[in-house]
Protein backbone atom coordinates (compact mmCIF):
# COMPACT_ATOMS: atom_id res chain seq x y z
CA MET A 1 164.83 77.25 75.68
CA GLY A 2 165.19 80.77 77.11
CA LYS A 3 166.33 82.11 73.73
CA VAL A 4 163.26 80.63 72.00
CA ILE A 5 160.94 82.25 74.54
CA THR A 6 162.72 85.60 74.13
CA ILE A 7 162.41 85.43 70.33
CA PHE A 8 158.74 84.42 70.61
CA PHE A 9 157.92 87.40 72.84
CA LEU A 10 159.96 89.74 70.63
CA ILE A 11 157.98 88.62 67.55
CA LEU A 12 154.74 88.93 69.52
CA PHE A 13 155.69 92.45 70.66
CA LEU A 14 156.63 93.52 67.11
CA ALA A 15 153.40 92.08 65.70
CA PHE A 16 151.35 93.91 68.32
CA GLY A 17 153.28 97.15 67.62
CA GLY A 18 152.67 96.81 63.89
CA TRP A 19 148.96 96.15 64.43
CA PHE A 20 148.67 99.09 66.85
CA TYR A 21 150.34 101.44 64.34
CA TRP A 22 148.08 100.22 61.51
CA LYS A 23 144.92 100.50 63.64
CA TYR A 24 145.47 103.93 65.21
CA TYR A 25 148.18 105.87 63.34
CA PHE A 26 148.15 104.68 59.72
CA THR A 27 146.17 107.06 57.49
CA TYR A 28 143.63 104.95 55.60
CA SER A 29 142.39 107.90 53.54
CA ASP A 30 142.47 111.68 53.45
CA GLY A 31 140.51 114.33 51.65
CA ASN A 32 138.31 117.39 51.88
CA ARG A 33 134.71 117.84 52.93
CA THR A 34 132.68 121.00 52.37
CA GLY A 35 129.59 121.91 54.32
CA LEU A 36 127.99 123.95 57.07
CA LEU A 37 129.82 123.75 60.40
CA GLN A 38 126.87 123.09 62.68
CA LYS A 39 128.49 122.21 65.99
CA PHE A 40 131.96 122.34 67.52
CA SER A 41 132.77 121.66 71.16
CA ARG A 42 135.40 120.50 73.61
CA LYS A 43 134.22 117.55 75.65
CA GLY A 44 135.32 114.61 77.75
CA ASN A 45 135.66 113.54 81.37
CA MET A 46 139.36 112.82 81.74
CA PHE A 47 140.66 113.64 78.27
CA LYS A 48 139.18 116.77 76.70
CA THR A 49 138.88 116.44 72.95
CA TYR A 50 137.53 118.73 70.25
CA GLU A 51 134.53 117.25 68.44
CA GLY A 52 132.56 118.68 65.56
CA GLU A 53 129.56 118.11 63.34
CA MET A 54 129.15 119.39 59.81
CA VAL A 55 126.07 119.22 57.57
CA LEU A 56 127.01 118.13 54.05
CA ASN A 57 125.05 118.36 50.82
CA SER A 58 121.27 118.27 50.92
CA VAL A 59 119.47 116.16 48.35
CA ILE A 60 115.81 115.86 47.40
CA SER A 61 114.65 112.36 48.35
CA ASN A 62 110.83 112.19 47.95
CA ASN A 63 107.62 114.17 48.50
CA THR A 64 107.25 113.40 52.22
CA SER A 65 110.69 114.67 53.22
CA PRO A 66 112.02 117.14 50.67
CA MET A 67 115.52 117.41 52.15
CA ALA A 68 117.83 114.68 53.42
CA MET A 69 120.93 115.92 55.19
CA GLU A 70 124.11 113.94 55.65
CA LYS A 71 126.24 114.76 58.68
CA PHE A 72 130.01 114.43 59.00
CA PHE A 73 131.32 113.89 62.54
CA PHE A 74 134.99 114.63 63.17
CA SER A 75 137.65 115.26 65.81
CA VAL A 76 140.41 117.88 65.97
CA GLU A 77 143.79 117.34 67.66
CA ASP A 78 145.51 120.66 66.95
CA LYS A 79 144.52 123.54 69.25
CA ASN A 80 145.27 126.13 66.53
CA VAL A 81 142.85 124.44 64.13
CA ALA A 82 140.29 124.18 66.96
CA SER A 83 140.52 127.91 67.71
CA LYS A 84 139.99 128.72 64.00
CA MET A 85 137.04 126.34 63.95
CA THR A 86 135.20 128.11 66.79
CA GLY A 87 135.12 131.29 64.70
CA PHE A 88 133.59 129.45 61.75
CA GLU A 89 130.52 127.97 63.49
CA GLY A 90 127.40 128.51 61.41
CA GLN A 91 129.42 129.12 58.23
CA ARG A 92 130.32 127.01 55.19
CA VAL A 93 133.81 125.61 55.52
CA VAL A 94 136.22 123.21 53.81
CA LEU A 95 137.82 120.67 56.14
CA HIS A 96 140.87 118.58 55.30
CA TYR A 97 140.79 115.30 57.22
CA GLN A 98 142.71 112.08 57.71
CA GLU A 99 140.75 108.89 58.28
CA LYS A 100 142.36 106.38 60.64
CA ASN A 101 141.38 102.73 61.08
CA GLY A 102 140.39 103.30 64.72
CA ALA A 103 139.85 106.03 67.30
CA LEU A 104 142.02 106.63 70.36
CA PHE A 105 140.17 108.05 73.37
CA TRP A 106 142.73 110.81 73.96
CA ARG A 107 142.64 111.90 70.30
CA GLY A 108 138.86 112.07 69.82
CA ASP A 109 135.62 110.14 69.42
CA THR A 110 135.85 109.60 65.67
CA ARG A 111 138.22 108.08 63.13
CA TYR A 112 138.21 111.36 61.15
CA ILE A 113 140.93 113.77 62.33
CA VAL A 114 140.69 117.27 60.85
CA ASP A 115 144.06 118.97 60.33
CA SER A 116 143.04 122.18 58.53
CA VAL A 117 139.99 124.35 57.97
CA SER A 118 139.19 127.24 55.66
CA ASN A 119 136.14 129.41 55.19
CA VAL A 120 134.18 129.18 51.93
CA ALA A 121 133.67 132.63 50.38
CA ARG A 122 130.03 133.36 49.67
């Protein structure tokens, strides 16, 4: 009976570990986004995280509102990338990101984790 309970809890632990990896560490997608880096800050009460906001392409929608802007919200884990990002505020940049299935509070507010940034030459 004790062996059955041990095996049950081992399977339960492995299933939870697999789910946790899939939810928070598995990269669902990755890619690049280009736009105007509008906001970048370090925030949080207990865990300080780097959070950013980028304005993407503008499109003409109708006569009443000529421009519709899409925003891309993201988080940054790497301090080196974050220090580069502060110098690029107000400029057009290309961000490479990894999309996770969930957000961890010590990693950032969003599922999009930016791992590199480069300035777009004008």
